[in-house]
Amino acid sequence: VTEYKTENKVVEDATGSIKEGQCFIVKTSFNYGHNKGYVYRIHETVYEDGKKLYHAYKLNGKKTKECTGTANSGNYWFITDNFIEQFTQRIANVVSQQFNKQNPQLEAETSELRVTIVHESVARSGRTISIRKTPPIIRLTEEKAVQENFCEEKVLALLINCVKNRCNMIFCGMPGIGKTECIKFFSQYIPQNDRVITIEDTMEIRYSATNPGKDCVEMRVQAGRFDYADAIKSSLRLNPRWIMLSEARSKEVKYLLESWSTGVCGMTTLHTDDVRNIPDRILNMLENRVDADRLENTCYQAMDVGVLIRKRMNEQQQVYRYIDQVCFFLREGCENKIVMIVEDGKLVLEQLPEVLQAQFAKDAIIDPFSYEKSDCRKEAGDD
C-alpha cells in the first residue's frame, strides 16, 4: 500500500496503545510547505481464538492493510483538537464566512469535494465534519447496474425509457444513499437539444461536465439573496425543457410542482423511506394547509415516477446499493393512484396500465422494459 511506503505500522494513542475507531493521517509527501496525507480509521477484529488484529480502513470503507509493528510518529498524525480547529479556520477563511455560536454551520466546496462543518454549540457531541466526494463523473454504468445488483435489467430499461418519455422523476432514500448519483446517471439519456436547468445550493449534479455539448444552464442558490423559489421562477423564463432540483426540502416544492404541471420535465431528490410516502412528504413541506389541500391532486398530475434507493449487505459482507422500489403516480378521473412496479428490489408488475402504455407509445416506446443498449444514449442525443 503506497500510503504506508514500505513500513508496517501500528497506530497508537497518546498512551502507546491501539485504539478502536482511532482516526489518523499518514503523511505521504511534502509539497510547497503543505503536508499531504490520507485519513484512516482503525478497526479491531476479534477472532474465535481470542486473537485481536487491527486493520486500517480508508474513510471510504476500503480496508488497506493489517497494522503490525511499531508506529513512527514522523509518519502519522493524530486528528487532534488543534488540527480540527486549524482545518476549520482555513475553510472559513477560504469562503470568507464566520464560524461561531452565532454562525454554527460552515459549508464549502471544491471541484470534487463538499465540506460541511457543524459547531459544537449545536452538535453537542462535539464539532462535526463531513467531507463528501462529488466528482464530475458518472460512476454508474448500464453494465455495473446489472452486474452489481443495483437493479434488474428490465427495471433499468424501464427507467431509461421513462427519461426518454420525459417523465418527472423523484429519487428518494436516506441521506448519502446515492440519490444524486442516480440523477447523474439517468440524465445521460436526456435528448441533447433539450435545455436542462439545474438548481442547487452546492454543485453536485454537474450536468454540463458529465454531458458535454448539451444545452444546460446551472444555477446556484444563495440563502437570503436567490433562493430555490426565485431560481425556479427565473428558470421558467429561460425556456427550459427540464428543471432538475438537487433536493426538494421546503416551500420551493410548490413552485417545482407547478412548473412540472405546465409541461416542463424534471428530476429531484427527496428524503423518505417509501415511494408511497412521497405525496404526503411533499404536502407536509408546504407552508399552510390551504396549499396542501389545493396541491394534493397536482402532486399526482405532475409527478410520474418514484424511485427508492436502499443499501444492504451481501454474502461477502460487502455493502451495496440497490433500487428497492419503483412506482408510477396516476390521476385518473377524480382518483389518485400509486402503481407499484418494483418492491423489495424485485419486479412485481410487467404489464403496465393502458394509460401508461399509451404514454410510452407517444414516443414510439412499444416495450418499456427493453431498449437497445448500444444505441440508447446515441438516440437520446440525436433527438
Protein backbone atom coordinates (compact mmCIF):
# COMPACT_ATOMS: atom_id res chain seq x y z
CA VAL A 1 0.00 0.00 0.00
CA THR A 2 1.76 3.13 -1.18
CA GLU A 3 0.35 5.29 1.60
CA TYR A 4 2.38 3.21 4.07
CA LYS A 5 5.51 3.32 1.93
CA THR A 6 7.50 0.20 2.89
CA GLU A 7 6.65 0.15 6.58
CA ASN A 8 4.23 -1.86 8.68
CA LYS A 9 2.63 0.34 11.31
CA VAL A 10 0.53 0.06 14.36
CA VAL A 11 -1.32 3.22 15.27
CA GLU A 12 -1.11 4.09 18.94
CA ASP A 13 -2.95 6.63 21.03
CA ALA A 14 -1.20 9.04 23.40
CA THR A 15 -0.65 6.24 25.93
CA GLY A 16 1.03 3.96 23.39
CA SER A 17 -1.90 1.56 22.80
CA ILE A 18 -4.05 0.91 19.77
CA LYS A 19 -7.48 2.48 19.94
CA GLU A 20 -10.65 1.21 18.23
CA GLY A 21 -12.09 3.90 15.99
CA GLN A 22 -8.86 5.91 16.02
CA CYS A 23 -8.51 8.32 13.10
CA PHE A 24 -5.09 9.25 11.82
CA ILE A 25 -3.37 10.73 8.79
CA VAL A 26 -0.40 9.10 7.11
CA LYS A 27 1.98 11.64 5.59
CA THR A 28 2.82 10.72 2.02
CA SER A 29 4.56 13.77 0.57
CA PHE A 30 5.62 17.31 1.25
CA ASN A 31 4.67 19.86 -1.38
CA TYR A 32 5.10 23.63 -1.22
CA GLY A 33 5.06 23.65 2.56
CA HIS A 34 1.88 21.56 2.92
CA ASN A 35 1.82 18.01 4.21
CA LYS A 36 -0.22 15.62 2.08
CA GLY A 37 -1.79 12.52 3.52
CA TYR A 38 -4.63 10.01 3.70
CA VAL A 39 -7.14 9.70 6.51
CA TYR A 40 -7.69 6.25 8.03
CA ARG A 41 -9.77 4.74 10.79
CA ILE A 42 -8.63 1.80 12.93
CA HIS A 43 -10.96 -1.19 13.32
CA GLU A 44 -10.40 -4.04 15.76
CA THR A 45 -11.18 -7.62 14.69
CA VAL A 46 -11.53 -10.30 17.39
CA TYR A 47 -11.24 -13.90 16.18
CA GLU A 48 -12.70 -17.09 17.72
CA ASP A 49 -9.39 -17.99 19.36
CA GLY A 50 -9.36 -14.60 21.12
CA LYS A 51 -6.65 -13.16 18.90
CA LYS A 52 -7.04 -9.48 18.05
CA LEU A 53 -5.83 -7.82 14.89
CA TYR A 54 -6.16 -4.21 13.80
CA HIS A 55 -6.76 -3.05 10.28
CA ALA A 56 -6.63 0.42 8.77
CA TYR A 57 -9.56 1.48 6.65
CA LYS A 58 -9.68 4.48 4.40
CA LEU A 59 -12.69 6.60 5.27
CA ASN A 60 -14.41 5.31 2.13
CA GLY A 61 -14.59 1.93 3.90
CA LYS A 62 -11.88 0.15 1.92
CA LYS A 63 -9.58 -2.00 4.03
CA THR A 64 -5.96 -1.23 3.19
CA LYS A 65 -3.62 -3.29 5.30
CA GLU A 66 -3.21 -5.13 8.56
CA CYS A 67 -1.39 -2.92 11.09
CA THR A 68 1.57 -4.53 12.83
CA GLY A 69 4.92 -3.43 14.17
CA THR A 70 5.83 -0.09 15.71
CA ALA A 71 4.47 3.30 14.76
CA ASN A 72 6.78 6.03 13.59
CA SER A 73 5.50 9.38 14.87
CA GLY A 74 7.23 11.12 11.97
CA ASN A 75 4.92 9.42 9.50
CA TYR A 76 1.49 9.90 11.01
CA TRP A 77 -0.59 12.45 12.88
CA PHE A 78 -3.49 12.02 15.22
CA ILE A 79 -6.52 14.12 14.39
CA THR A 80 -6.30 16.38 17.41
CA ASP A 81 -8.49 19.24 18.58
CA ASN A 82 -5.80 21.63 17.39
CA PHE A 83 -5.83 20.09 13.93
CA ILE A 84 -9.64 20.35 13.76
CA GLU A 85 -9.51 24.00 14.80
CA GLN A 86 -6.87 24.86 12.20
CA PHE A 87 -8.71 22.95 9.48
CA THR A 88 -11.99 24.72 10.28
CA GLN A 89 -10.36 28.15 10.34
CA ARG A 90 -8.75 27.61 6.96
CA ILE A 91 -12.07 26.54 5.44
CA ALA A 92 -13.78 29.60 6.95
CA ASN A 93 -11.08 31.89 5.55
CA VAL A 94 -11.38 30.43 2.06
CA VAL A 95 -15.16 31.02 1.87
CA SER A 96 -14.98 34.30 3.83
CA GLN A 97 -17.50 33.18 6.45
CA GLN A 98 -17.60 33.32 10.21
CA PHE A 99 -17.86 30.12 12.22
CA ASN A 100 -19.01 30.54 15.81
CA LYS A 101 -22.08 30.16 18.06
CA GLN A 102 -23.94 32.77 16.04
CA ASN A 103 -22.93 31.10 12.75
CA PRO A 104 -22.81 27.39 13.68
CA GLN A 105 -22.73 25.91 10.18
CA LEU A 106 -19.96 26.20 7.62
CA GLU A 107 -20.13 24.87 4.08
CA ALA A 108 -17.57 24.90 1.31
CA GLU A 109 -16.89 23.06 -1.90
CA THR A 110 -14.14 22.36 -4.38
CA SER A 111 -14.34 20.83 -7.82
CA GLU A 112 -14.60 17.38 -6.21
CA LEU A 113 -15.40 17.81 -2.52
CA ARG A 114 -18.26 19.09 -0.39
CA VAL A 115 -17.33 20.08 3.17
CA THR A 116 -19.86 20.66 5.97
CA ILE A 117 -18.82 21.63 9.50
CA VAL A 118 -21.24 22.00 12.44
CA HIS A 119 -20.21 23.94 15.54
CA GLU A 120 -20.04 22.23 18.94
CA SER A 121 -22.62 24.68 20.32
CA VAL A 122 -25.31 22.84 18.35
CA ALA A 123 -23.56 19.48 17.81
CA ARG A 124 -23.44 18.55 21.48
CA SER A 125 -21.19 15.53 20.93
CA GLY A 126 -18.51 17.83 19.55
CA ARG A 127 -17.61 19.61 16.35
CA THR A 128 -18.76 17.56 13.39
CA ILE A 129 -17.13 17.49 9.98
CA SER A 130 -18.44 15.80 6.84
CA ILE A 131 -16.33 15.61 3.68
CA ARG A 132 -18.13 14.15 0.68
CA LYS A 133 -16.70 13.45 -2.74
CA THR A 134 -18.69 14.97 -5.62
CA PRO A 135 -16.51 14.43 -8.68
CA PRO A 136 -17.85 15.44 -12.12
CA ILE A 137 -18.04 11.84 -13.25
CA ILE A 138 -20.78 9.24 -13.55
CA ARG A 139 -19.79 6.20 -11.51
CA LEU A 140 -22.72 4.01 -12.52
CA THR A 141 -22.87 2.31 -15.91
CA GLU A 142 -25.50 0.10 -17.51
CA GLU A 143 -23.26 -2.94 -17.11
CA LYS A 144 -22.39 -2.23 -13.47
CA ALA A 145 -26.03 -1.57 -12.59
CA VAL A 146 -26.96 -5.12 -13.56
CA GLN A 147 -23.74 -6.92 -12.56
CA GLU A 148 -23.59 -5.31 -9.10
CA ASN A 149 -27.31 -5.92 -8.40
CA PHE A 150 -28.25 -2.25 -8.43
CA CYS A 151 -31.37 -3.25 -10.36
CA GLU A 152 -32.72 -5.85 -12.77
CA GLU A 153 -32.11 -5.28 -16.46
CA LYS A 154 -35.83 -4.78 -17.11
CA VAL A 155 -36.04 -2.18 -14.34
CA LEU A 156 -33.03 -0.36 -15.79
CA ALA A 157 -34.68 -0.37 -19.23
CA LEU A 158 -37.94 0.94 -17.77
CA LEU A 159 -36.26 3.89 -16.03
CA ILE A 160 -34.18 4.76 -19.10
CA ASN A 161 -37.36 4.75 -21.18
CA CYS A 162 -39.01 6.97 -18.56
CA VAL A 163 -36.30 9.58 -19.23
CA LYS A 164 -36.75 9.22 -23.00
CA ASN A 165 -40.50 9.61 -22.43
CA ARG A 166 -39.76 12.80 -20.43
CA CYS A 167 -41.30 11.60 -17.17
CA ASN A 168 -40.95 13.62 -13.98
CA MET A 169 -38.86 11.51 -11.62
CA ILE A 170 -38.27 11.69 -7.87
CA PHE A 171 -35.39 9.71 -6.35
CA CYS A 172 -35.75 9.13 -2.62
CA GLY A 173 -33.90 7.43 0.20
CA MET A 174 -31.84 8.22 3.25
CA PRO A 175 -29.01 10.81 3.22
CA GLY A 176 -25.86 9.61 1.42
CA ILE A 177 -27.60 6.69 -0.29
CA GLY A 178 -26.74 7.84 -3.82
CA LYS A 179 -29.81 9.76 -4.99
CA THR A 180 -27.80 12.44 -6.78
CA GLU A 181 -25.64 9.77 -8.42
CA CYS A 182 -28.85 8.29 -9.84
CA ILE A 183 -29.85 11.63 -11.28
CA LYS A 184 -26.39 11.99 -12.85
CA PHE A 185 -26.65 8.54 -14.42
CA PHE A 186 -30.16 8.84 -15.86
CA SER A 187 -29.57 12.41 -17.04
CA GLN A 188 -27.34 10.93 -19.76
CA TYR A 189 -30.46 9.88 -21.62
CA ILE A 190 -31.97 13.35 -21.86
CA PRO A 191 -32.10 14.38 -25.54
CA GLN A 192 -29.21 16.64 -26.46
CA ASN A 193 -31.34 19.54 -27.68
CA ASP A 194 -33.48 19.66 -24.51
CA ARG A 195 -32.48 22.64 -22.41
CA VAL A 196 -31.73 21.49 -18.86
CA ILE A 197 -31.63 23.90 -15.91
CA THR A 198 -30.08 22.57 -12.70
CA ILE A 199 -30.77 24.33 -9.40
CA GLU A 200 -28.51 23.56 -6.43
CA ASP A 201 -27.06 25.15 -3.31
CA THR A 202 -23.91 23.01 -3.65
CA MET A 203 -22.95 21.94 -7.15
CA GLU A 204 -23.23 18.15 -7.24
CA ILE A 205 -25.21 17.22 -10.36
CA ARG A 206 -22.57 18.78 -12.67
CA TYR A 207 -24.71 18.23 -15.75
CA SER A 208 -22.57 20.32 -18.10
CA ALA A 209 -19.41 18.38 -17.15
CA THR A 210 -20.97 14.91 -17.42
CA ASN A 211 -22.95 15.77 -20.56
CA PRO A 212 -20.59 17.93 -22.66
CA GLY A 213 -22.18 19.61 -25.63
CA LYS A 214 -25.72 19.52 -24.25
CA ASP A 215 -27.81 22.63 -23.64
CA CYS A 216 -27.54 23.42 -19.94
CA VAL A 217 -27.88 26.32 -17.50
CA GLU A 218 -26.53 25.68 -13.98
CA MET A 219 -27.96 27.87 -11.22
CA ARG A 220 -26.66 28.16 -7.68
CA VAL A 221 -28.97 29.43 -4.95
CA GLN A 222 -27.83 31.65 -2.09
CA ALA A 223 -29.75 32.00 1.16
CA GLY A 224 -31.29 35.44 1.54
CA ARG A 225 -30.35 36.54 -1.97
CA PHE A 226 -31.53 34.00 -4.53
CA ASP A 227 -33.44 31.08 -3.01
CA TYR A 228 -34.92 27.97 -4.62
CA ALA A 229 -38.28 29.62 -5.25
CA ASP A 230 -36.57 32.54 -7.02
CA ALA A 231 -34.49 30.14 -9.11
CA ILE A 232 -37.50 28.08 -10.22
CA LYS A 233 -39.42 31.22 -11.18
CA SER A 234 -36.43 32.52 -13.13
CA SER A 235 -35.94 29.15 -14.84
CA LEU A 236 -39.42 29.25 -16.36
CA ARG A 237 -38.44 32.42 -18.23
CA LEU A 238 -35.46 30.68 -19.83
CA ASN A 239 -37.48 28.25 -21.96
CA PRO A 240 -36.41 25.05 -20.15
CA ARG A 241 -37.37 21.52 -21.17
CA TRP A 242 -36.08 20.08 -17.88
CA ILE A 243 -35.71 21.56 -14.40
CA MET A 244 -33.52 19.47 -12.11
CA LEU A 245 -33.58 20.35 -8.42
CA SER A 246 -30.80 18.84 -6.31
CA GLU A 247 -33.14 18.32 -3.35
CA ALA A 248 -36.75 19.21 -2.52
CA ARG A 249 -36.65 20.46 1.06
CA SER A 250 -39.24 23.12 1.75
CA LYS A 251 -41.78 25.51 0.22
CA GLU A 252 -39.93 25.56 -3.13
CA VAL A 253 -41.58 22.22 -3.91
CA LYS A 254 -44.81 24.15 -4.56
CA TYR A 255 -43.18 26.06 -7.43
CA LEU A 256 -41.49 22.90 -8.70
CA LEU A 257 -44.81 21.04 -8.95
CA GLU A 258 -46.45 24.00 -10.65
CA SER A 259 -43.61 24.16 -13.20
CA TRP A 260 -43.89 20.42 -13.86
CA SER A 261 -47.66 20.72 -14.34
CA THR A 262 -47.04 23.21 -17.18
CA GLY A 263 -45.27 20.53 -19.23
CA VAL A 264 -41.68 21.13 -18.09
CA CYS A 265 -39.95 17.85 -17.20
CA GLY A 266 -37.75 17.32 -14.17
CA MET A 267 -35.85 15.27 -11.65
CA THR A 268 -35.26 15.86 -7.96
CA THR A 269 -34.39 14.02 -4.75
CA LEU A 270 -36.31 13.64 -1.51
CA HIS A 271 -35.68 12.13 1.92
CA THR A 272 -38.24 9.41 2.65
CA ASP A 273 -38.21 5.64 3.16
CA ASP A 274 -41.08 4.57 0.88
CA VAL A 275 -42.20 5.81 -2.53
CA ARG A 276 -45.81 5.72 -1.34
CA ASN A 277 -44.92 8.42 1.20
CA ILE A 278 -43.70 10.88 -1.46
CA PRO A 279 -47.04 12.75 -1.91
CA ASP A 280 -47.53 13.16 1.86
CA ARG A 281 -43.89 14.17 2.31
CA ILE A 282 -44.30 16.89 -0.31
CA LEU A 283 -47.58 18.15 1.14
CA ASN A 284 -46.00 18.39 4.59
CA MET A 285 -43.35 20.74 3.19
CA LEU A 286 -45.90 23.35 2.18
CA GLU A 287 -46.36 26.43 4.30
CA ASN A 288 -50.06 26.07 5.07
CA ARG A 289 -52.93 23.62 4.92
CA VAL A 290 -54.66 25.52 2.13
CA ASP A 291 -51.72 24.97 -0.20
CA ALA A 292 -51.57 21.30 0.81
CA ASP A 293 -55.25 20.68 0.07
CA ARG A 294 -55.05 22.52 -3.24
CA LEU A 295 -51.89 20.77 -4.42
CA GLU A 296 -52.70 17.19 -3.43
CA ASN A 297 -54.20 16.43 -6.83
CA THR A 298 -51.42 18.40 -8.53
CA CYS A 299 -48.88 16.02 -6.95
CA TYR A 300 -50.37 13.05 -8.78
CA GLN A 301 -50.74 15.01 -12.02
CA ALA A 302 -47.22 16.45 -12.02
CA MET A 303 -45.22 13.51 -10.65
CA ASP A 304 -44.73 10.44 -12.82
CA VAL A 305 -42.15 8.11 -11.27
CA GLY A 306 -40.90 7.49 -7.74
CA VAL A 307 -37.66 5.56 -7.12
CA LEU A 308 -36.43 4.42 -3.68
CA ILE A 309 -32.76 3.53 -3.18
CA ARG A 310 -31.54 1.45 -0.26
CA LYS A 311 -28.41 -0.44 0.72
CA ARG A 312 -27.86 -3.93 2.10
CA MET A 313 -25.01 -6.35 2.77
CA ASN A 314 -24.27 -9.31 0.51
CA GLU A 315 -22.86 -12.72 1.42
CA GLN A 316 -19.30 -11.39 1.24
CA GLN A 317 -20.22 -8.79 3.90
CA GLN A 318 -19.95 -6.01 1.34
CA VAL A 319 -22.44 -3.17 1.36
CA TYR A 320 -24.09 -2.36 -1.96
CA ARG A 321 -26.86 -0.03 -3.08
CA TYR A 322 -29.92 -1.13 -4.99
CA ILE A 323 -33.25 0.15 -6.27
CA ASP A 324 -35.77 -1.11 -3.72
CA GLN A 325 -38.99 0.41 -5.06
CA VAL A 326 -40.31 1.95 -8.26
CA CYS A 327 -43.81 3.32 -8.70
CA PHE A 328 -45.91 5.41 -11.07
CA PHE A 329 -48.23 8.17 -9.88
CA LEU A 330 -51.53 8.46 -11.73
CA ARG A 331 -54.62 10.62 -11.56
CA GLU A 332 -57.48 9.04 -13.48
CA GLY A 333 -60.78 10.82 -13.36
CA CYS A 334 -61.10 12.02 -9.79
CA GLU A 335 -58.94 9.27 -8.28
CA ASN A 336 -55.28 9.40 -7.27
CA LYS A 337 -53.38 6.13 -7.70
CA ILE A 338 -49.93 4.71 -6.97
CA VAL A 339 -48.94 1.77 -9.17
CA MET A 340 -46.10 -0.28 -7.71
CA ILE A 341 -43.70 -1.72 -10.29
CA VAL A 342 -40.78 -2.81 -8.09
CA GLU A 343 -40.90 -3.86 -4.43
CA ASP A 344 -38.02 -5.19 -2.33
CA GLY A 345 -35.80 -4.93 -5.39
CA LYS A 346 -37.98 -7.29 -7.45
CA LEU A 347 -40.11 -6.51 -10.48
CA VAL A 348 -43.73 -7.17 -9.42
CA LEU A 349 -45.66 -5.78 -12.40
CA GLU A 350 -44.63 -6.26 -16.01
CA GLN A 351 -47.94 -5.33 -17.63
CA LEU A 352 -48.31 -1.58 -17.27
CA PRO A 353 -51.77 0.01 -17.11
CA GLU A 354 -53.14 1.07 -20.50
CA VAL A 355 -52.78 4.76 -19.70
CA LEU A 356 -49.04 4.29 -19.13
CA GLN A 357 -48.61 2.15 -22.24
CA ALA A 358 -50.30 4.90 -24.27
CA GLN A 359 -47.95 7.48 -22.74
CA PHE A 360 -44.86 5.49 -23.78
CA ALA A 361 -46.31 4.80 -27.23
CA LYS A 362 -46.31 8.54 -27.96
CA ASP A 363 -42.50 8.30 -28.14
CA ALA A 364 -42.59 5.03 -30.10
CA ILE A 365 -41.66 3.01 -26.99
CA ILE A 366 -43.64 -0.18 -27.55
CA ASP A 367 -41.99 -2.27 -24.83
CA PRO A 368 -40.95 -0.07 -21.87
CA PHE A 369 -38.99 -2.97 -20.35
CA SER A 370 -36.45 -3.23 -23.15
CA TYR A 371 -34.04 -0.96 -25.02
CA GLU A 372 -31.15 -1.12 -27.44
CA LYS A 373 -28.07 -0.95 -25.24
CA SER A 374 -25.63 0.17 -27.89
CA ASP A 375 -27.86 2.91 -29.29
CA CYS A 376 -29.61 4.14 -26.14
CA ARG A 377 -27.55 7.24 -25.42
CA LYS A 378 -26.92 7.92 -29.12
CA GLU A 379 -30.66 8.06 -29.80
CA ALA A 380 -31.19 10.36 -26.86
CA GLY A 381 -28.51 12.70 -28.14
CA ASP A 382 -29.81 12.75 -31.71
CA ASP A 383 -33.42 13.54 -30.82
